[in-house]
């Protein structure tokens, strides 16, 4: 199973609150190249637009965890994500240096939240 990309599209991500981004075009571009799942709110609205790259089976076998990318609000960043995922993504291909600028650690959820 290849990498999968989760795109947050709810209250902040994918909305007019993040200006200057064609959210539909971003989602369509990702979908044209890689498996995409659209999610409701991922509870990290301060990082909108959020994209999570989930490792492939090979990546998980290598110990990779999902990589959370925030503030993905320009076409170049979307293209960098597509290129990385097509190369194998987490655990298979090294994270491009430019994407380091977007990586963040989501807050841990507690029981009941």
PDB file of N, CA and C in Angstrom:
ATOM      1  N   UNK A   1       0.853  -1.188   0.000  1.00  0.00           N
ATOM      2  CA  UNK A   1       0.000   0.000   0.000  1.00  0.00           C
ATOM      3  C   UNK A   1       0.887   1.236   0.000  1.00  0.00           C
ATOM      4  N   UNK A   2       0.626   2.173  -0.905  1.00  0.00           N
ATOM      5  CA  UNK A   2       1.448   3.386  -0.968  1.00  0.00           C
ATOM      6  C   UNK A   2       1.121   4.348   0.177  1.00  0.00           C
ATOM      7  N   UNK A   3       1.900   5.417   0.242  1.00  0.00           N
ATOM      8  CA  UNK A   3       1.587   6.488   1.193  1.00  0.00           C
ATOM      9  C   UNK A   3       0.187   7.007   0.904  1.00  0.00           C
ATOM     10  N   UNK A   4      -0.409   7.540   1.936  1.00  0.00           N
ATOM     11  CA  UNK A   4      -1.688   8.211   1.767  1.00  0.00           C
ATOM     12  C   UNK A   4      -1.563   9.598   2.376  1.00  0.00           C
ATOM     13  N   UNK A   5      -2.242  10.541   1.764  1.00  0.00           N
ATOM     14  CA  UNK A   5      -2.251  11.913   2.236  1.00  0.00           C
ATOM     15  C   UNK A   5      -3.627  12.214   2.802  1.00  0.00           C
ATOM     16  N   UNK A   6      -3.648  12.778   4.006  1.00  0.00           N
ATOM     17  CA  UNK A   6      -4.893  13.220   4.619  1.00  0.00           C
ATOM     18  C   UNK A   6      -4.898  14.742   4.568  1.00  0.00           C
ATOM     19  N   UNK A   7      -5.952  15.294   3.993  1.00  0.00           N
ATOM     20  CA  UNK A   7      -6.083  16.741   3.845  1.00  0.00           C
ATOM     21  C   UNK A   7      -7.214  17.200   4.751  1.00  0.00           C
ATOM     22  N   UNK A   8      -6.904  18.091   5.665  1.00  0.00           N
ATOM     23  CA  UNK A   8      -7.928  18.655   6.535  1.00  0.00           C
ATOM     24  C   UNK A   8      -8.726  19.674   5.729  1.00  0.00           C
ATOM     25  N   UNK A   9     -10.036  19.542   5.762  1.00  0.00           N
ATOM     26  CA  UNK A   9     -10.921  20.467   5.053  1.00  0.00           C
ATOM     27  C   UNK A   9     -12.167  20.673   5.897  1.00  0.00           C
ATOM     28  N   UNK A  10     -12.043  21.503   6.925  1.00  0.00           N
ATOM     29  CA  UNK A  10     -13.216  21.731   7.770  1.00  0.00           C
ATOM     30  C   UNK A  10     -13.307  23.199   8.142  1.00  0.00           C
ATOM     31  N   UNK A  11     -13.315  23.510   9.409  1.00  0.00           N
ATOM     32  CA  UNK A  11     -13.662  24.860   9.855  1.00  0.00           C
ATOM     33  C   UNK A  11     -12.650  25.926   9.438  1.00  0.00           C
ATOM     34  N   UNK A  12     -11.371  25.610   9.435  1.00  0.00           N
ATOM     35  CA  UNK A  12     -10.350  26.594   9.048  1.00  0.00           C
ATOM     36  C   UNK A  12      -9.614  26.154   7.787  1.00  0.00           C
ATOM     37  N   UNK A  13      -9.112  24.929   7.816  1.00  0.00           N
ATOM     38  CA  UNK A  13      -8.425  24.409   6.635  1.00  0.00           C
ATOM     39  C   UNK A  13      -9.433  24.293   5.500  1.00  0.00           C
ATOM     40  N   UNK A  14      -9.033  24.719   4.329  1.00  0.00           N
ATOM     41  CA  UNK A  14      -9.923  24.592   3.187  1.00  0.00           C
ATOM     42  C   UNK A  14     -11.055  25.599   3.168  1.00  0.00           C
ATOM     43  N   UNK A  15     -10.926  26.652   3.954  1.00  0.00           N
ATOM     44  CA  UNK A  15     -11.989  27.651   4.019  1.00  0.00           C
ATOM     45  C   UNK A  15     -11.442  29.027   3.636  1.00  0.00           C
ATOM     46  N   UNK A  16     -12.347  29.979   3.424  1.00  0.00           N
ATOM     47  CA  UNK A  16     -11.906  31.348   3.123  1.00  0.00           C
ATOM     48  C   UNK A  16     -11.103  32.001   4.258  1.00  0.00           C
ATOM     49  N   UNK A  17     -11.076  31.382   5.448  1.00  0.00           N
ATOM     50  CA  UNK A  17     -10.261  31.928   6.538  1.00  0.00           C
ATOM     51  C   UNK A  17      -8.787  31.935   6.163  1.00  0.00           C
ATOM     52  N   UNK A  18      -8.377  30.974   5.316  1.00  0.00           N
ATOM     53  CA  UNK A  18      -7.008  30.940   4.800  1.00  0.00           C
ATOM     54  C   UNK A  18      -7.095  31.546   3.410  1.00  0.00           C
ATOM     55  N   UNK A  19      -6.665  32.795   3.295  1.00  0.00           N
ATOM     56  CA  UNK A  19      -6.853  33.534   2.049  1.00  0.00           C
ATOM     57  C   UNK A  19      -5.767  33.222   1.031  1.00  0.00           C
ATOM     58  N   UNK A  20      -6.108  33.446  -0.227  1.00  0.00           N
ATOM     59  CA  UNK A  20      -5.135  33.312  -1.299  1.00  0.00           C
ATOM     60  C   UNK A  20      -4.804  31.891  -1.701  1.00  0.00           C
ATOM     61  N   UNK A  21      -5.596  30.924  -1.248  1.00  0.00           N
ATOM     62  CA  UNK A  21      -5.343  29.522  -1.567  1.00  0.00           C
ATOM     63  C   UNK A  21      -6.554  28.961  -2.296  1.00  0.00           C
ATOM     64  N   UNK A  22      -6.304  28.301  -3.419  1.00  0.00           N
ATOM     65  CA  UNK A  22      -7.366  27.589  -4.117  1.00  0.00           C
ATOM     66  C   UNK A  22      -7.402  26.180  -3.535  1.00  0.00           C
ATOM     67  N   UNK A  23      -8.219  26.004  -2.497  1.00  0.00           N
ATOM     68  CA  UNK A  23      -8.252  24.744  -1.763  1.00  0.00           C
ATOM     69  C   UNK A  23      -8.687  23.577  -2.637  1.00  0.00           C
ATOM     70  N   UNK A  24      -9.676  23.809  -3.487  1.00  0.00           N
ATOM     71  CA  UNK A  24     -10.147  22.742  -4.372  1.00  0.00           C
ATOM     72  C   UNK A  24      -9.040  22.314  -5.329  1.00  0.00           C
ATOM     73  N   UNK A  25      -8.295  23.275  -5.860  1.00  0.00           N
ATOM     74  CA  UNK A  25      -7.198  22.950  -6.778  1.00  0.00           C
ATOM     75  C   UNK A  25      -6.090  22.193  -6.052  1.00  0.00           C
ATOM     76  N   UNK A  26      -5.806  22.575  -4.805  1.00  0.00           N
ATOM     77  CA  UNK A  26      -4.780  21.876  -4.034  1.00  0.00           C
ATOM     78  C   UNK A  26      -5.179  20.418  -3.810  1.00  0.00           C
ATOM     79  N   UNK A  27      -6.409  20.202  -3.416  1.00  0.00           N
ATOM     80  CA  UNK A  27      -6.887  18.836  -3.193  1.00  0.00           C
ATOM     81  C   UNK A  27      -6.878  18.052  -4.501  1.00  0.00           C
ATOM     82  N   UNK A  28      -7.328  18.664  -5.579  1.00  0.00           N
ATOM     83  CA  UNK A  28      -7.347  17.993  -6.883  1.00  0.00           C
ATOM     84  C   UNK A  28      -5.935  17.640  -7.344  1.00  0.00           C
ATOM     85  N   UNK A  29      -4.986  18.533  -7.123  1.00  0.00           N
ATOM     86  CA  UNK A  29      -3.598  18.266  -7.526  1.00  0.00           C
ATOM     87  C   UNK A  29      -3.052  17.070  -6.755  1.00  0.00           C
ATOM     88  N   UNK A  30      -3.283  17.029  -5.468  1.00  0.00           N
ATOM     89  CA  UNK A  30      -2.827  15.891  -4.670  1.00  0.00           C
ATOM     90  C   UNK A  30      -3.495  14.607  -5.148  1.00  0.00           C
ATOM     91  N   UNK A  31      -4.811  14.670  -5.359  1.00  0.00           N
ATOM     92  CA  UNK A  31      -5.567  13.476  -5.785  1.00  0.00           C
ATOM     93  C   UNK A  31      -5.105  12.959  -7.148  1.00  0.00           C
ATOM     94  N   UNK A  32      -4.615  13.846  -7.992  1.00  0.00           N
ATOM     95  CA  UNK A  32      -4.160  13.440  -9.321  1.00  0.00           C
ATOM     96  C   UNK A  32      -2.907  12.579  -9.248  1.00  0.00           C
ATOM     97  N   UNK A  33      -2.186  12.648  -8.132  1.00  0.00           N
ATOM     98  CA  UNK A  33      -0.894  11.981  -8.020  1.00  0.00           C
ATOM     99  C   UNK A  33      -0.819  10.909  -6.937  1.00  0.00           C
ATOM    100  N   UNK A  34      -1.573  11.091  -5.854  1.00  0.00           N
ATOM    101  CA  UNK A  34      -1.418  10.207  -4.690  1.00  0.00           C
ATOM    102  C   UNK A  34      -2.789   9.925  -4.072  1.00  0.00           C
ATOM    103  N   UNK A  35      -2.907   8.824  -3.310  1.00  0.00           N
ATOM    104  CA  UNK A  35      -4.160   8.568  -2.605  1.00  0.00           C
ATOM    105  C   UNK A  35      -4.418   9.653  -1.555  1.00  0.00           C
ATOM    106  N   UNK A  36      -5.622  10.205  -1.571  1.00  0.00           N
ATOM    107  CA  UNK A  36      -5.987  11.299  -0.662  1.00  0.00           C
ATOM    108  C   UNK A  36      -7.271  10.949   0.063  1.00  0.00           C
ATOM    109  N   UNK A  37      -7.274  11.262   1.351  1.00  0.00           N
ATOM    110  CA  UNK A  37      -8.494  11.189   2.157  1.00  0.00           C
ATOM    111  C   UNK A  37      -8.747  12.576   2.693  1.00  0.00           C
ATOM    112  N   UNK A  38      -9.970  13.063   2.550  1.00  0.00           N
ATOM    113  CA  UNK A  38     -10.344  14.371   3.085  1.00  0.00           C
ATOM    114  C   UNK A  38     -10.916  14.153   4.470  1.00  0.00           C
ATOM    115  N   UNK A  39     -10.415  14.911   5.434  1.00  0.00           N
ATOM    116  CA  UNK A  39     -10.807  14.766   6.826  1.00  0.00           C
ATOM    117  C   UNK A  39     -11.578  15.984   7.307  1.00  0.00           C
ATOM    118  N   UNK A  40     -12.401  15.755   8.300  1.00  0.00           N
ATOM    119  CA  UNK A  40     -12.968  16.869   9.044  1.00  0.00           C
ATOM    120  C   UNK A  40     -11.848  17.464   9.894  1.00  0.00           C
ATOM    121  N   UNK A  41     -12.169  18.379  10.752  1.00  0.00           N
ATOM    122  CA  UNK A  41     -11.185  19.114  11.548  1.00  0.00           C
ATOM    123  C   UNK A  41     -10.233  18.181  12.296  1.00  0.00           C
ATOM    124  N   UNK A  42      -8.939  18.463  12.156  1.00  0.00           N
ATOM    125  CA  UNK A  42      -7.899  17.706  12.861  1.00  0.00           C
ATOM    126  C   UNK A  42      -7.455  18.408  14.142  1.00  0.00           C
ATOM    127  N   UNK A  43      -8.157  19.472  14.523  1.00  0.00           N
ATOM    128  CA  UNK A  43      -7.925  20.187  15.790  1.00  0.00           C
ATOM    129  C   UNK A  43      -6.567  20.863  15.893  1.00  0.00           C
ATOM    130  N   UNK A  44      -6.057  21.330  14.776  1.00  0.00           N
ATOM    131  CA  UNK A  44      -4.820  22.116  14.783  1.00  0.00           C
ATOM    132  C   UNK A  44      -5.019  23.333  13.868  1.00  0.00           C
ATOM    133  N   UNK A  45      -6.104  24.050  14.127  1.00  0.00           N
ATOM    134  CA  UNK A  45      -6.529  25.147  13.261  1.00  0.00           C
ATOM    135  C   UNK A  45      -5.469  26.235  13.099  1.00  0.00           C
ATOM    136  N   UNK A  46      -4.614  26.406  14.096  1.00  0.00           N
ATOM    137  CA  UNK A  46      -3.568  27.425  13.988  1.00  0.00           C
ATOM    138  C   UNK A  46      -2.522  27.063  12.940  1.00  0.00           C
ATOM    139  N   UNK A  47      -2.573  25.847  12.406  1.00  0.00           N
ATOM    140  CA  UNK A  47      -1.623  25.394  11.387  1.00  0.00           C
ATOM    141  C   UNK A  47      -2.274  25.294   9.995  1.00  0.00           C
ATOM    142  N   UNK A  48      -3.476  25.798   9.830  1.00  0.00           N
ATOM    143  CA  UNK A  48      -4.211  25.649   8.560  1.00  0.00           C
ATOM    144  C   UNK A  48      -3.391  26.193   7.386  1.00  0.00           C
ATOM    145  N   UNK A  49      -3.368  25.452   6.363  1.00  0.00           N
ATOM    146  CA  UNK A  49      -3.933  24.198   5.905  1.00  0.00           C
ATOM    147  C   UNK A  49      -3.033  23.043   6.330  1.00  0.00           C
ATOM    148  N   UNK A  50      -3.650  22.016   6.868  1.00  0.00           N
ATOM    149  CA  UNK A  50      -2.911  20.876   7.396  1.00  0.00           C
ATOM    150  C   UNK A  50      -3.004  19.695   6.429  1.00  0.00           C
ATOM    151  N   UNK A  51      -1.853  19.076   6.193  1.00  0.00           N
ATOM    152  CA  UNK A  51      -1.761  17.862   5.385  1.00  0.00           C
ATOM    153  C   UNK A  51      -0.935  16.867   6.186  1.00  0.00           C
ATOM    154  N   UNK A  52      -1.445  15.646   6.307  1.00  0.00           N
ATOM    155  CA  UNK A  52      -0.741  14.587   7.028  1.00  0.00           C
ATOM    156  C   UNK A  52      -0.343  13.526   6.006  1.00  0.00           C
ATOM    157  N   UNK A  53       0.951  13.206   5.967  1.00  0.00           N
ATOM    158  CA  UNK A  53       1.437  12.162   5.069  1.00  0.00           C
ATOM    159  C   UNK A  53       1.621  10.899   5.895  1.00  0.00           C
ATOM    160  N   UNK A  54       0.807   9.905   5.575  1.00  0.00           N
ATOM    161  CA  UNK A  54       0.871   8.633   6.288  1.00  0.00           C
ATOM    162  C   UNK A  54       1.818   7.702   5.542  1.00  0.00           C
ATOM    163  N   UNK A  55       2.690   7.011   6.264  1.00  0.00           N
ATOM    164  CA  UNK A  55       3.658   6.140   5.591  1.00  0.00           C
ATOM    165  C   UNK A  55       2.992   4.945   4.921  1.00  0.00           C
ATOM    166  N   UNK A  56       3.662   4.447   3.906  1.00  0.00           N
ATOM    167  CA  UNK A  56       3.238   3.222   3.239  1.00  0.00           C
ATOM    168  C   UNK A  56       3.533   2.040   4.162  1.00  0.00           C
ATOM    169  N   UNK A  57       3.137   0.848   3.741  1.00  0.00           N
ATOM    170  CA  UNK A  57       3.456  -0.355   4.516  1.00  0.00           C
ATOM    171  C   UNK A  57       4.969  -0.484   4.682  1.00  0.00           C
ATOM    172  N   UNK A  58       5.717  -0.208   3.614  1.00  0.00           N
ATOM    173  CA  UNK A  58       7.184  -0.283   3.701  1.00  0.00           C
ATOM    174  C   UNK A  58       7.726   0.772   4.664  1.00  0.00           C
ATOM    175  N   UNK A  59       7.151   1.957   4.639  1.00  0.00           N
ATOM    176  CA  UNK A  59       7.572   3.014   5.553  1.00  0.00           C
ATOM    177  C   UNK A  59       7.289   2.663   7.001  1.00  0.00           C
ATOM    178  N   UNK A  60       6.099   2.094   7.241  1.00  0.00           N
ATOM    179  CA  UNK A  60       5.759   1.671   8.611  1.00  0.00           C
ATOM    180  C   UNK A  60       6.702   0.573   9.074  1.00  0.00           C
ATOM    181  N   UNK A  61       7.029  -0.353   8.164  1.00  0.00           N
ATOM    182  CA  UNK A  61       7.958  -1.434   8.515  1.00  0.00           C
ATOM    183  C   UNK A  61       9.331  -0.875   8.878  1.00  0.00           C
ATOM    184  N   UNK A  62       9.670   0.283   8.305  1.00  0.00           N
ATOM    185  CA  UNK A  62      10.945   0.936   8.612  1.00  0.00           C
ATOM    186  C   UNK A  62      10.848   1.819   9.855  1.00  0.00           C
ATOM    187  N   UNK A  63       9.665   1.855  10.490  1.00  0.00           N
ATOM    188  CA  UNK A  63       9.494   2.615  11.726  1.00  0.00           C
ATOM    189  C   UNK A  63       8.959   4.020  11.539  1.00  0.00           C
ATOM    190  N   UNK A  64       8.542   4.363  10.330  1.00  0.00           N
ATOM    191  CA  UNK A  64       8.057   5.726  10.081  1.00  0.00           C
ATOM    192  C   UNK A  64       6.695   5.954  10.724  1.00  0.00           C
ATOM    193  N   UNK A  65       6.476   7.183  11.100  1.00  0.00           N
ATOM    194  CA  UNK A  65       5.204   7.635  11.665  1.00  0.00           C
ATOM    195  C   UNK A  65       4.616   8.681  10.714  1.00  0.00           C
ATOM    196  N   UNK A  66       3.338   9.001  10.847  1.00  0.00           N
ATOM    197  CA  UNK A  66       2.762  10.058  10.012  1.00  0.00           C
ATOM    198  C   UNK A  66       3.510  11.378  10.209  1.00  0.00           C
ATOM    199  N   UNK A  67       3.635  12.124   9.132  1.00  0.00           N
ATOM    200  CA  UNK A  67       4.291  13.431   9.169  1.00  0.00           C
ATOM    201  C   UNK A  67       3.215  14.493   8.976  1.00  0.00           C
ATOM    202  N   UNK A  68       3.110  15.378   9.965  1.00  0.00           N
ATOM    203  CA  UNK A  68       2.128  16.452   9.939  1.00  0.00           C
ATOM    204  C   UNK A  68       2.779  17.702   9.366  1.00  0.00           C
ATOM    205  N   UNK A  69       2.128  18.274   8.350  1.00  0.00           N
ATOM    206  CA  UNK A  69       2.618  19.479   7.687  1.00  0.00           C
ATOM    207  C   UNK A  69       1.562  20.563   7.838  1.00  0.00           C
ATOM    208  N   UNK A  70       1.981  21.715   8.315  1.00  0.00           N
ATOM    209  CA  UNK A  70       1.052  22.817   8.513  1.00  0.00           C
ATOM    210  C   UNK A  70       1.422  24.023   7.690  1.00  0.00           C
ATOM    211  N   UNK A  71       0.475  24.923   7.562  1.00  0.00           N
ATOM    212  CA  UNK A  71       0.639  26.162   6.808  1.00  0.00           C
ATOM    213  C   UNK A  71       1.005  25.876   5.353  1.00  0.00           C
ATOM    214  N   UNK A  72       0.426  24.805   4.820  1.00  0.00           N
ATOM    215  CA  UNK A  72       0.689  24.431   3.418  1.00  0.00           C
ATOM    216  C   UNK A  72      -0.256  25.266   2.556  1.00  0.00           C
ATOM    217  N   UNK A  73       0.191  26.474   2.281  1.00  0.00           N
ATOM    218  CA  UNK A  73      -0.674  27.455   1.646  1.00  0.00           C
ATOM    219  C   UNK A  73      -0.141  27.972   0.323  1.00  0.00           C
ATOM    220  N   UNK A  74       0.799  27.250  -0.283  1.00  0.00           N
ATOM    221  CA  UNK A  74       1.256  27.668  -1.599  1.00  0.00           C
ATOM    222  C   UNK A  74       1.471  26.455  -2.492  1.00  0.00           C
ATOM    223  N   UNK A  75       1.391  26.700  -3.770  1.00  0.00           N
ATOM    224  CA  UNK A  75       1.459  25.640  -4.768  1.00  0.00           C
ATOM    225  C   UNK A  75       2.803  24.918  -4.733  1.00  0.00           C
ATOM    226  N   UNK A  76       3.893  25.636  -4.486  1.00  0.00           N
ATOM    227  CA  UNK A  76       5.212  24.989  -4.452  1.00  0.00           C
ATOM    228  C   UNK A  76       5.278  23.938  -3.342  1.00  0.00           C
ATOM    229  N   UNK A  77       4.709  24.249  -2.184  1.00  0.00           N
ATOM    230  CA  UNK A  77       4.710  23.280  -1.083  1.00  0.00           C
ATOM    231  C   UNK A  77       3.896  22.048  -1.465  1.00  0.00           C
ATOM    232  N   UNK A  78       2.776  22.251  -2.124  1.00  0.00           N
ATOM    233  CA  UNK A  78       1.965  21.122  -2.572  1.00  0.00           C
ATOM    234  C   UNK A  78       2.763  20.252  -3.531  1.00  0.00           C
ATOM    235  N   UNK A  79       3.474  20.869  -4.448  1.00  0.00           N
ATOM    236  CA  UNK A  79       4.300  20.118  -5.405  1.00  0.00           C
ATOM    237  C   UNK A  79       5.418  19.359  -4.695  1.00  0.00           C
ATOM    238  N   UNK A  80       6.013  19.980  -3.675  1.00  0.00           N
ATOM    239  CA  UNK A  80       7.068  19.298  -2.906  1.00  0.00           C
ATOM    240  C   UNK A  80       6.511  18.065  -2.198  1.00  0.00           C
ATOM    241  N   UNK A  81       5.290  18.166  -1.693  1.00  0.00           N
ATOM    242  CA  UNK A  81       4.652  17.019  -1.032  1.00  0.00           C
ATOM    243  C   UNK A  81       4.388  15.912  -2.051  1.00  0.00           C
ATOM    244  N   UNK A  82       3.851  16.269  -3.204  1.00  0.00           N
ATOM    245  CA  UNK A  82       3.585  15.280  -4.254  1.00  0.00           C
ATOM    246  C   UNK A  82       4.872  14.552  -4.626  1.00  0.00           C
ATOM    247  N   UNK A  83       5.946  15.300  -4.838  1.00  0.00           N
ATOM    248  CA  UNK A  83       7.225  14.701  -5.232  1.00  0.00           C
ATOM    249  C   UNK A  83       7.723  13.738  -4.166  1.00  0.00           C
ATOM    250  N   UNK A  84       7.641  14.140  -2.900  1.00  0.00           N
ATOM    251  CA  UNK A  84       8.115  13.296  -1.800  1.00  0.00           C
ATOM    252  C   UNK A  84       7.285  12.024  -1.683  1.00  0.00           C
ATOM    253  N   UNK A  85       5.960  12.160  -1.752  1.00  0.00           N
ATOM    254  CA  UNK A  85       5.090  10.994  -1.625  1.00  0.00           C
ATOM    255  C   UNK A  85       5.312  10.031  -2.795  1.00  0.00           C
ATOM    256  N   UNK A  86       5.454  10.557  -3.995  1.00  0.00           N
ATOM    257  CA  UNK A  86       5.700   9.685  -5.151  1.00  0.00           C
ATOM    258  C   UNK A  86       7.039   8.972  -5.032  1.00  0.00           C
ATOM    259  N   UNK A  87       7.996   9.579  -4.319  1.00  0.00           N
ATOM    260  CA  UNK A  87       9.305   8.947  -4.103  1.00  0.00           C
ATOM    261  C   UNK A  87       9.261   7.891  -3.001  1.00  0.00           C
ATOM    262  N   UNK A  88       8.156   7.828  -2.259  1.00  0.00           N
ATOM    263  CA  UNK A  88       8.013   6.813  -1.215  1.00  0.00           C
ATOM    264  C   UNK A  88       7.572   7.354   0.116  1.00  0.00           C
ATOM    265  N   UNK A  89       7.789   8.647   0.370  1.00  0.00           N
ATOM    266  CA  UNK A  89       7.315   9.268   1.605  1.00  0.00           C
ATOM    267  C   UNK A  89       8.031   8.803   2.858  1.00  0.00           C
ATOM    268  N   UNK A  90       7.388   8.987   4.020  1.00  0.00           N
ATOM    269  CA  UNK A  90       8.018   8.697   5.311  1.00  0.00           C
ATOM    270  C   UNK A  90       8.573   7.281   5.400  1.00  0.00           C
ATOM    271  N   UNK A  91       9.818   7.191   5.840  1.00  0.00           N
ATOM    272  CA  UNK A  91      10.459   5.902   6.053  1.00  0.00           C
ATOM    273  C   UNK A  91      11.073   5.297   4.814  1.00  0.00           C
ATOM    274  N   UNK A  92      10.741   5.861   3.640  1.00  0.00           N
ATOM    275  CA  UNK A  92      11.267   5.329   2.377  1.00  0.00           C
ATOM    276  C   UNK A  92      12.150   6.369   1.700  1.00  0.00           C
ATOM    277  N   UNK A  93      11.653   7.575   1.574  1.00  0.00           N
ATOM    278  CA  UNK A  93      12.402   8.665   0.941  1.00  0.00           C
ATOM    279  C   UNK A  93      12.668   9.741   1.989  1.00  0.00           C
ATOM    280  N   UNK A  94      13.851  10.318   1.983  1.00  0.00           N
ATOM    281  CA  UNK A  94      14.128  11.379   2.959  1.00  0.00           C
ATOM    282  C   UNK A  94      13.202  12.581   2.755  1.00  0.00           C
ATOM    283  N   UNK A  95      12.830  13.196   3.856  1.00  0.00           N
ATOM    284  CA  UNK A  95      12.009  14.404   3.804  1.00  0.00           C
ATOM    285  C   UNK A  95      12.820  15.513   3.148  1.00  0.00           C
ATOM    286  N   UNK A  96      12.312  16.119   2.074  1.00  0.00           N
ATOM    287  CA  UNK A  96      13.042  17.237   1.469  1.00  0.00           C
ATOM    288  C   UNK A  96      13.246  18.365   2.482  1.00  0.00           C
ATOM    289  N   UNK A  97      14.428  18.965   2.452  1.00  0.00           N
ATOM    290  CA  UNK A  97      14.741  20.029   3.410  1.00  0.00           C
ATOM    291  C   UNK A  97      13.672  21.112   3.438  1.00  0.00           C
ATOM    292  N   UNK A  98      13.138  21.473   2.273  1.00  0.00           N
ATOM    293  CA  UNK A  98      12.151  22.551   2.223  1.00  0.00           C
ATOM    294  C   UNK A  98      10.902  22.204   3.024  1.00  0.00           C
ATOM    295  N   UNK A  99      10.551  20.927   3.084  1.00  0.00           N
ATOM    296  CA  UNK A  99       9.354  20.544   3.842  1.00  0.00           C
ATOM    297  C   UNK A  99       9.585  20.577   5.346  1.00  0.00           C
ATOM    298  N   UNK A 100      10.841  20.611   5.786  1.00  0.00           N
ATOM    299  CA  UNK A 100      11.124  20.795   7.217  1.00  0.00           C
ATOM    300  C   UNK A 100      10.438  22.046   7.754  1.00  0.00           C
ATOM    301  N   UNK A 101      10.276  23.048   6.891  1.00  0.00           N
ATOM    302  CA  UNK A 101       9.655  24.307   7.306  1.00  0.00           C
ATOM    303  C   UNK A 101       8.183  24.132   7.679  1.00  0.00           C
ATOM    304  N   UNK A 102       7.573  23.068   7.211  1.00  0.00           N
ATOM    305  CA  UNK A 102       6.141  22.852   7.411  1.00  0.00           C
ATOM    306  C   UNK A 102       5.828  21.812   8.482  1.00  0.00           C
ATOM    307  N   UNK A 103       6.806  21.034   8.879  1.00  0.00           N
ATOM    308  CA  UNK A 103       6.572  19.937   9.834  1.00  0.00           C
ATOM    309  C   UNK A 103       6.258  20.498  11.218  1.00  0.00           C
ATOM    310  N   UNK A 104       5.255  19.922  11.850  1.00  0.00           N
ATOM    311  CA  UNK A 104       4.962  20.259  13.241  1.00  0.00           C
ATOM    312  C   UNK A 104       4.481  19.003  13.956  1.00  0.00           C
ATOM    313  N   UNK A 105       4.535  19.049  15.273  1.00  0.00           N
ATOM    314  CA  UNK A 105       4.064  17.941  16.098  1.00  0.00           C
ATOM    315  C   UNK A 105       2.681  18.293  16.618  1.00  0.00           C
ATOM    316  N   UNK A 106       1.681  17.486  16.258  1.00  0.00           N
ATOM    317  CA  UNK A 106       0.335  17.808  16.735  1.00  0.00           C
ATOM    318  C   UNK A 106       0.249  17.556  18.239  1.00  0.00           C
ATOM    319  N   UNK A 107      -0.636  18.291  18.901  1.00  0.00           N
ATOM    320  CA  UNK A 107      -0.803  18.042  20.349  1.00  0.00           C
ATOM    321  C   UNK A 107      -1.382  16.655  20.560  1.00  0.00           C
ATOM    322  N   UNK A 108      -0.987  16.048  21.639  1.00  0.00           N
ATOM    323  CA  UNK A 108      -1.526  14.720  21.966  1.00  0.00           C
ATOM    324  C   UNK A 108      -2.967  14.870  22.412  1.00  0.00           C
ATOM    325  N   UNK A 109      -3.776  13.966  21.933  1.00  0.00           N
ATOM    326  CA  UNK A 109      -5.176  13.965  22.361  1.00  0.00           C
ATOM    327  C   UNK A 109      -5.280  13.151  23.640  1.00  0.00           C
ATOM    328  N   UNK A 110      -6.137  13.606  24.508  1.00  0.00           N
ATOM    329  CA  UNK A 110      -6.373  12.871  25.749  1.00  0.00           C
ATOM    330  C   UNK A 110      -7.708  12.156  25.652  1.00  0.00           C
ATOM    331  N   UNK A 111      -7.917  11.203  26.503  1.00  0.00           N
ATOM    332  CA  UNK A 111      -9.179  10.463  26.499  1.00  0.00           C
ATOM    333  C   UNK A 111     -10.342  11.437  26.637  1.00  0.00           C
ATOM    334  N   UNK A 112     -11.325  11.251  25.777  1.00  0.00           N
ATOM    335  CA  UNK A 112     -12.494  12.100  25.834  1.00  0.00           C
ATOM    336  C   UNK A 112     -12.409  13.344  24.975  1.00  0.00           C
ATOM    337  N   UNK A 113     -11.264  13.556  24.302  1.00  0.00           N
ATOM    338  CA  UNK A 113     -11.197  14.746  23.447  1.00  0.00           C
ATOM    339  C   UNK A 113     -11.155  14.401  22.001  1.00  0.00           C
TER     340      UNK A 113
END
